[in-house]
Amino acid sequence: MLWEGRPYLSLSVHYKITNERVRITEGIVGKDREDIELVRIQDIDMTQGMSERMMNIGDIHIRSHDRSNPEVVLNNVSSPSEVHEILRRAVLKARKKHNVTFREEM
């Protein structure tokens, strides 16, 4: 596991980044789980408003080749710049490990 956390002030959502995937688990009684394989991730962005910067939280936007859910947002993540960098490096390592190259369409 490379990183694990919850959104700020949330008890029902849990995020986990491993060397193979991003896992989002939601729910307290019932559980829903979304997995995004790192090799399928196309782009990662971070957004942070002024008040979020003061609290050191932000959102991580993930775009992938996943057909069921091509855009996912990790909301209200603590230390979002660090999490963004952890995820970016993990994606690069996963692509290298699986010999996957990505070509942007223009």
Protein backbone atom coordinates (compact mmCIF):
# COMPACT_ATOMS: atom_id res chain seq x y z
CA MET A 1 0.00 0.00 0.00
CA LEU A 2 1.38 3.39 -1.01
CA TRP A 3 -1.23 5.66 0.57
CA GLU A 4 -4.51 5.37 2.46
CA GLY A 5 -6.95 7.97 3.71
CA ARG A 6 -10.45 9.37 4.05
CA PRO A 7 -11.98 12.58 2.78
CA TYR A 8 -11.99 15.41 5.31
CA LEU A 9 -14.98 14.99 7.67
CA SER A 10 -16.17 11.72 6.09
CA LEU A 11 -16.76 8.44 7.87
CA SER A 12 -18.27 6.51 4.97
CA VAL A 13 -15.62 6.89 2.22
CA HIS A 14 -12.15 5.36 2.20
CA TYR A 15 -9.39 5.73 -0.42
CA LYS A 16 -6.42 3.41 -0.93
CA ILE A 17 -3.56 3.58 -3.47
CA THR A 18 -1.55 0.39 -3.98
CA ASN A 19 1.13 -0.45 -6.53
CA GLU A 20 -1.60 -1.90 -8.80
CA ARG A 21 -4.79 0.11 -8.28
CA VAL A 22 -6.77 2.92 -6.69
CA ARG A 23 -9.57 1.56 -4.52
CA ILE A 24 -12.54 3.65 -3.37
CA THR A 25 -14.82 2.10 -0.75
CA GLU A 26 -18.08 3.79 0.24
CA GLY A 27 -20.67 2.95 2.87
CA ILE A 28 -20.95 2.18 6.56
CA VAL A 29 -23.42 -0.71 6.63
CA GLY A 30 -23.47 -1.65 2.95
CA LYS A 31 -20.24 -1.33 0.99
CA ASP A 32 -19.63 -0.24 -2.60
CA ARG A 33 -16.15 -0.63 -4.04
CA GLU A 34 -14.62 0.94 -7.17
CA ASP A 35 -11.20 -0.19 -8.40
CA ILE A 36 -9.16 1.65 -11.03
CA GLU A 37 -6.13 -0.19 -12.34
CA LEU A 38 -3.11 2.15 -12.42
CA VAL A 39 -2.15 1.11 -15.98
CA ARG A 40 -5.57 2.35 -17.18
CA ILE A 41 -5.13 5.87 -15.74
CA GLN A 42 -4.64 8.51 -18.44
CA ASP A 43 -4.47 11.75 -16.48
CA ILE A 44 -4.36 13.00 -12.90
CA ASP A 45 -5.16 16.57 -11.82
CA MET A 46 -5.50 18.31 -8.49
CA THR A 47 -7.82 21.20 -7.63
CA GLN A 48 -7.73 23.28 -4.49
CA GLY A 49 -9.69 26.42 -3.65
CA MET A 50 -8.41 29.15 -1.34
CA SER A 51 -10.17 27.84 1.76
CA GLU A 52 -9.02 24.30 0.91
CA ARG A 53 -5.42 25.51 0.63
CA MET A 54 -5.63 26.99 4.12
CA MET A 55 -6.83 23.59 5.41
CA ASN A 56 -4.39 21.62 3.19
CA ILE A 57 -7.14 19.59 1.51
CA GLY A 58 -8.09 19.28 -2.15
CA ASP A 59 -9.55 17.05 -4.85
CA ILE A 60 -7.66 14.59 -7.04
CA HIS A 61 -9.29 14.08 -10.47
CA ILE A 62 -8.51 10.78 -12.21
CA ARG A 63 -9.31 10.11 -15.88
CA SER A 64 -8.91 6.54 -17.08
CA HIS A 65 -9.75 4.02 -19.78
CA ASP A 66 -12.20 2.39 -17.35
CA ARG A 67 -15.48 2.00 -19.24
CA SER A 68 -17.72 1.81 -16.19
CA ASN A 69 -16.37 5.00 -14.61
CA PRO A 70 -13.87 6.95 -16.76
CA GLU A 71 -13.71 9.97 -14.40
CA VAL A 72 -13.32 9.66 -10.65
CA VAL A 73 -12.70 12.35 -8.04
CA LEU A 74 -11.03 11.71 -4.69
CA ASN A 75 -12.73 14.49 -2.73
CA ASN A 76 -11.28 16.50 0.17
CA VAL A 77 -7.98 14.62 0.38
CA SER A 78 -5.48 15.75 3.04
CA SER A 79 -2.10 16.85 1.62
CA PRO A 80 -3.37 16.64 -1.97
CA SER A 81 -0.04 17.63 -3.58
CA GLU A 82 1.69 14.71 -1.88
CA VAL A 83 -1.09 12.28 -2.81
CA HIS A 84 -1.04 13.54 -6.42
CA GLU A 85 2.71 12.87 -6.61
CA ILE A 86 2.39 9.41 -4.99
CA LEU A 87 -0.29 8.49 -7.53
CA ARG A 88 1.65 9.93 -10.48
CA ARG A 89 4.76 7.92 -9.59
CA ALA A 90 2.73 4.76 -9.00
CA VAL A 91 1.11 5.08 -12.45
CA LEU A 92 4.52 5.51 -14.12
CA LYS A 93 5.92 2.45 -12.29
CA ALA A 94 2.86 0.34 -13.16
CA ARG A 95 3.11 1.30 -16.84
CA LYS A 96 6.80 0.43 -16.88
CA LYS A 97 6.23 -2.88 -15.07
CA HIS A 98 3.51 -3.94 -17.52
CA ASN A 99 5.30 -2.43 -20.54
CA VAL A 100 2.37 -0.11 -21.26
CA THR A 101 2.82 3.08 -23.24
CA PHE A 102 0.28 5.84 -23.54
CA ARG A 103 -0.18 8.02 -26.58
CA GLU A 104 -2.30 11.15 -26.40
CA GLU A 105 -4.81 11.72 -29.17
CA MET A 106 -4.66 15.11 -30.84
